[in-house]
């Protein structure tokens, strides 16, 4: 496979499409309870905090080959949609990967400072303009880019109509269930697994020549 770049890229793209919703679901399941970075909660489960942050980070990193693979499928039939979706999605994915490193700093603060001070530092850092406008908000572009790519694939009939709808449900799920137990928030990843898993299976079954020709 390493000697065949088209087979390698096809396999990596499909594997990433399957891996990212699985890692995302595990990240939610291992998340500490609550919606805030409560120092007491972080201090009570340092291993859980680190595991969840790493799973979120790896899940987001998987989106890079996912986005490139989806854009490749649109290369000939909808190149503008593919290029726009890839540019927006990759910008968001790069920004989003930086967000999960903050959990380690919040954990370190919880382990070394009184709770009030740790919470105050986290609050101040979260309100900085560079964080909000340079990292947090751009991270949401990941979802926009993915939906553009999946909608493009549905428009050219490379995927069924329900695929972008399922991905949208998977994206909205965690935001609509904020404050609920981690297991409830993880349900959104099942919608992602259905959507991206369907595309992944098509890519895996696709002959290399068809992949090359997109």
Protein backbone atom coordinates (compact mmCIF):
# COMPACT_ATOMS: atom_id res chain seq x y z
CA UNK A 1 0.00 0.00 0.00
CA UNK A 2 2.87 2.38 0.75
CA UNK A 3 4.08 1.98 -2.82
CA UNK A 4 0.69 3.04 -4.19
CA UNK A 5 -0.03 6.65 -3.16
CA UNK A 6 -3.64 6.57 -4.38
CA UNK A 7 -4.43 3.40 -2.42
CA UNK A 8 -2.67 4.82 0.64
CA UNK A 9 -4.59 8.12 0.56
CA UNK A 10 -7.88 6.36 -0.07
CA UNK A 11 -7.33 4.03 2.88
CA UNK A 12 -6.19 6.78 5.22
CA UNK A 13 -9.19 8.95 4.33
CA UNK A 14 -11.65 6.10 4.93
CA UNK A 15 -9.95 5.06 8.17
CA UNK A 16 -10.07 8.64 9.45
CA UNK A 17 -13.78 8.91 8.60
CA UNK A 18 -14.40 5.91 10.84
CA UNK A 19 -11.93 6.89 13.56
CA UNK A 20 -13.00 10.46 14.19
CA UNK A 21 -16.59 9.82 15.39
CA UNK A 22 -15.39 6.88 17.50
CA UNK A 23 -12.70 9.00 19.17
CA UNK A 24 -15.21 11.83 19.57
CA UNK A 25 -17.67 9.54 21.33
CA UNK A 26 -14.96 8.23 23.65
CA UNK A 27 -13.88 11.81 24.38
CA UNK A 28 -17.38 12.73 25.53
CA UNK A 29 -17.73 9.53 27.57
CA UNK A 30 -14.51 10.28 29.44
CA UNK A 31 -15.26 13.97 29.94
CA UNK A 32 -15.46 15.19 33.54
CA UNK A 33 -19.01 16.12 34.59
CA UNK A 34 -20.22 19.70 34.39
CA UNK A 35 -20.04 22.42 31.78
CA UNK A 36 -17.31 24.51 33.43
CA UNK A 37 -13.65 23.76 34.11
CA UNK A 38 -14.32 23.45 37.83
CA UNK A 39 -10.95 23.17 39.62
CA UNK A 40 -12.38 20.74 42.18
CA UNK A 41 -13.73 18.46 39.46
CA UNK A 42 -10.48 18.60 37.51
CA UNK A 43 -8.45 17.89 40.63
CA UNK A 44 -10.66 14.91 41.49
CA UNK A 45 -10.04 13.21 38.14
CA UNK A 46 -6.74 14.29 36.59
CA UNK A 47 -6.35 11.12 34.53
CA UNK A 48 -9.90 11.47 33.19
CA UNK A 49 -9.30 15.10 32.22
CA UNK A 50 -6.12 14.22 30.34
CA UNK A 51 -7.66 11.22 28.59
CA UNK A 52 -10.67 13.24 27.43
CA UNK A 53 -8.52 16.13 26.19
CA UNK A 54 -6.25 13.80 24.23
CA UNK A 55 -9.21 11.98 22.68
CA UNK A 56 -10.76 15.28 21.61
CA UNK A 57 -7.41 16.34 20.17
CA UNK A 58 -6.89 13.10 18.23
CA UNK A 59 -10.48 13.15 16.98
CA UNK A 60 -9.99 16.68 15.66
CA UNK A 61 -6.65 15.75 14.09
CA UNK A 62 -8.42 12.94 12.21
CA UNK A 63 -10.54 15.58 10.50
CA UNK A 64 -7.59 16.72 8.38
CA UNK A 65 -7.53 13.54 6.22
CA UNK A 66 -11.34 13.40 6.42
CA UNK A 67 -11.66 16.88 4.92
CA UNK A 68 -9.03 16.22 2.26
CA UNK A 69 -10.73 12.94 1.35
CA UNK A 70 -14.17 14.51 1.02
CA UNK A 71 -12.75 17.35 -1.07
CA UNK A 72 -11.04 14.81 -3.32
CA UNK A 73 -14.39 13.15 -4.04
CA UNK A 74 -15.65 16.51 -5.32
CA UNK A 75 -12.53 17.27 -7.35
CA UNK A 76 -14.10 16.79 -10.79
CA UNK A 77 -17.85 17.11 -10.27
CA UNK A 78 -17.94 20.07 -7.87
CA UNK A 79 -14.41 21.47 -7.51
CA UNK A 80 -15.45 24.88 -6.20
CA UNK A 81 -17.57 23.36 -3.46
CA UNK A 82 -14.76 20.98 -2.58
CA UNK A 83 -12.15 23.73 -2.47
CA UNK A 84 -14.30 26.09 -0.39
CA UNK A 85 -15.34 23.34 2.02
CA UNK A 86 -11.76 22.14 2.41
CA UNK A 87 -10.38 25.64 3.00
CA UNK A 88 -13.00 26.47 5.62
CA UNK A 89 -12.87 23.05 7.27
CA UNK A 90 -9.08 22.86 7.49
CA UNK A 91 -8.88 26.37 8.93
CA UNK A 92 -11.35 25.33 11.61
CA UNK A 93 -9.66 22.01 12.34
CA UNK A 94 -6.25 23.64 12.84
CA UNK A 95 -7.77 26.21 15.21
CA UNK A 96 -9.81 23.58 17.06
CA UNK A 97 -6.80 21.39 17.84
CA UNK A 98 -5.36 24.20 19.95
CA UNK A 99 -8.44 24.38 22.17
CA UNK A 100 -7.94 21.07 23.92
CA UNK A 101 -4.50 21.98 25.23
CA UNK A 102 -6.24 24.39 27.60
CA UNK A 103 -7.52 21.44 29.63
CA UNK A 104 -3.96 20.62 30.65
CA UNK A 105 -3.33 24.18 31.81
CA UNK A 106 -6.61 24.24 33.72
CA UNK A 107 -5.67 20.95 35.35
CA UNK A 108 -2.26 22.31 36.31
CA UNK A 109 -3.93 25.39 37.80
CA UNK A 110 -6.33 23.19 39.79
CA UNK A 111 -3.41 21.16 41.14
CA UNK A 112 -1.25 24.14 42.17
CA UNK A 113 -3.52 27.06 43.08
CA UNK A 114 -6.50 27.60 45.38
CA UNK A 115 -9.80 27.02 43.60
CA UNK A 116 -10.77 30.71 43.48
CA UNK A 117 -7.46 31.71 41.90
CA UNK A 118 -7.50 28.81 39.43
CA UNK A 119 -11.04 29.64 38.34
CA UNK A 120 -10.16 33.33 37.97
CA UNK A 121 -7.13 32.60 35.75
CA UNK A 122 -9.26 30.33 33.56
CA UNK A 123 -11.94 33.01 33.33
CA UNK A 124 -9.47 35.72 32.32
CA UNK A 125 -7.75 33.49 29.75
CA UNK A 126 -11.09 32.49 28.24
CA UNK A 127 -12.05 36.13 27.71
CA UNK A 128 -8.86 37.19 25.92
CA UNK A 129 -9.51 38.40 22.40
CA UNK A 130 -6.79 36.27 20.87
CA UNK A 131 -8.34 33.15 22.37
CA UNK A 132 -11.94 34.00 21.51
CA UNK A 133 -11.40 35.32 17.98
CA UNK A 134 -8.23 33.48 17.03
CA UNK A 135 -8.94 30.02 18.43
CA UNK A 136 -12.45 29.45 19.81
CA UNK A 137 -14.70 30.95 17.13
CA UNK A 138 -12.55 29.82 14.16
CA UNK A 139 -12.77 26.27 15.55
CA UNK A 140 -16.48 26.22 14.65
CA UNK A 141 -15.53 26.58 10.99
CA UNK A 142 -14.69 22.87 11.11
CA UNK A 143 -18.38 22.02 11.22
CA UNK A 144 -19.20 24.53 8.47
CA UNK A 145 -16.58 23.07 6.15
CA UNK A 146 -17.68 19.48 6.78
CA UNK A 147 -21.32 20.31 6.11
CA UNK A 148 -20.41 22.13 2.88
CA UNK A 149 -18.46 19.09 1.69
CA UNK A 150 -21.18 16.59 2.63
CA UNK A 151 -23.89 18.77 1.07
CA UNK A 152 -21.79 18.94 -2.09
CA UNK A 153 -21.46 15.15 -2.16
CA UNK A 154 -25.21 14.79 -1.73
CA UNK A 155 -25.84 17.35 -4.49
CA UNK A 156 -23.76 15.38 -6.99
CA UNK A 157 -25.36 12.16 -5.73
CA UNK A 158 -22.21 10.62 -4.34
CA UNK A 159 -23.97 10.19 -0.99
CA UNK A 160 -27.64 9.94 0.06
CA UNK A 161 -29.43 13.09 1.22
CA UNK A 162 -29.56 11.86 4.80
CA UNK A 163 -25.76 11.93 5.20
CA UNK A 164 -25.40 15.74 5.64
CA UNK A 165 -28.61 15.72 7.72
CA UNK A 166 -27.17 13.09 10.07
CA UNK A 167 -23.89 15.02 10.31
CA UNK A 168 -25.82 18.19 11.19
CA UNK A 169 -27.69 16.30 13.91
CA UNK A 170 -24.39 14.99 15.24
CA UNK A 171 -22.96 18.51 15.33
CA UNK A 172 -25.95 20.09 17.05
CA UNK A 173 -26.42 17.25 19.55
CA UNK A 174 -23.68 18.17 22.05
CA UNK A 175 -24.66 21.85 22.00
CA UNK A 176 -28.32 21.01 22.62
CA UNK A 177 -27.44 18.71 25.51
CA UNK A 178 -25.01 20.97 27.38
CA UNK A 179 -25.30 20.20 31.07
CA UNK A 180 -26.44 16.64 30.46
CA UNK A 181 -24.33 13.61 31.49
CA UNK A 182 -21.39 12.81 29.17
CA UNK A 183 -23.16 9.68 27.90
CA UNK A 184 -26.01 11.85 26.59
CA UNK A 185 -23.64 14.23 24.85
CA UNK A 186 -21.86 11.28 23.25
CA UNK A 187 -25.03 10.35 21.34
CA UNK A 188 -24.19 12.98 18.73
CA UNK A 189 -21.14 10.99 17.71
CA UNK A 190 -23.42 8.10 16.68
CA UNK A 191 -24.99 10.36 14.05
CA UNK A 192 -21.50 11.26 12.84
CA UNK A 193 -20.57 7.59 12.73
CA UNK A 194 -23.62 6.85 10.57
CA UNK A 195 -22.86 9.73 8.19
CA UNK A 196 -19.11 9.44 7.84
CA UNK A 197 -19.15 5.66 8.18
CA UNK A 198 -21.39 5.45 5.14
CA UNK A 199 -18.96 7.58 3.10
CA UNK A 200 -16.00 5.60 4.47
CA UNK A 201 -17.46 2.29 3.32
CA UNK A 202 -18.04 3.71 -0.16
CA UNK A 203 -14.44 4.90 -0.28
CA UNK A 204 -13.08 1.56 0.92
CA UNK A 205 -15.08 -0.31 -1.74
CA UNK A 206 -14.11 2.14 -4.46
CA UNK A 207 -11.53 0.81 -6.96
CA UNK A 208 -8.29 2.75 -6.90
CA UNK A 209 -8.84 3.93 -10.48
CA UNK A 210 -12.22 5.39 -9.52
CA UNK A 211 -10.66 7.11 -6.50
CA UNK A 212 -7.91 8.55 -8.67
CA UNK A 213 -10.47 9.87 -11.14
CA UNK A 214 -12.80 11.00 -8.31
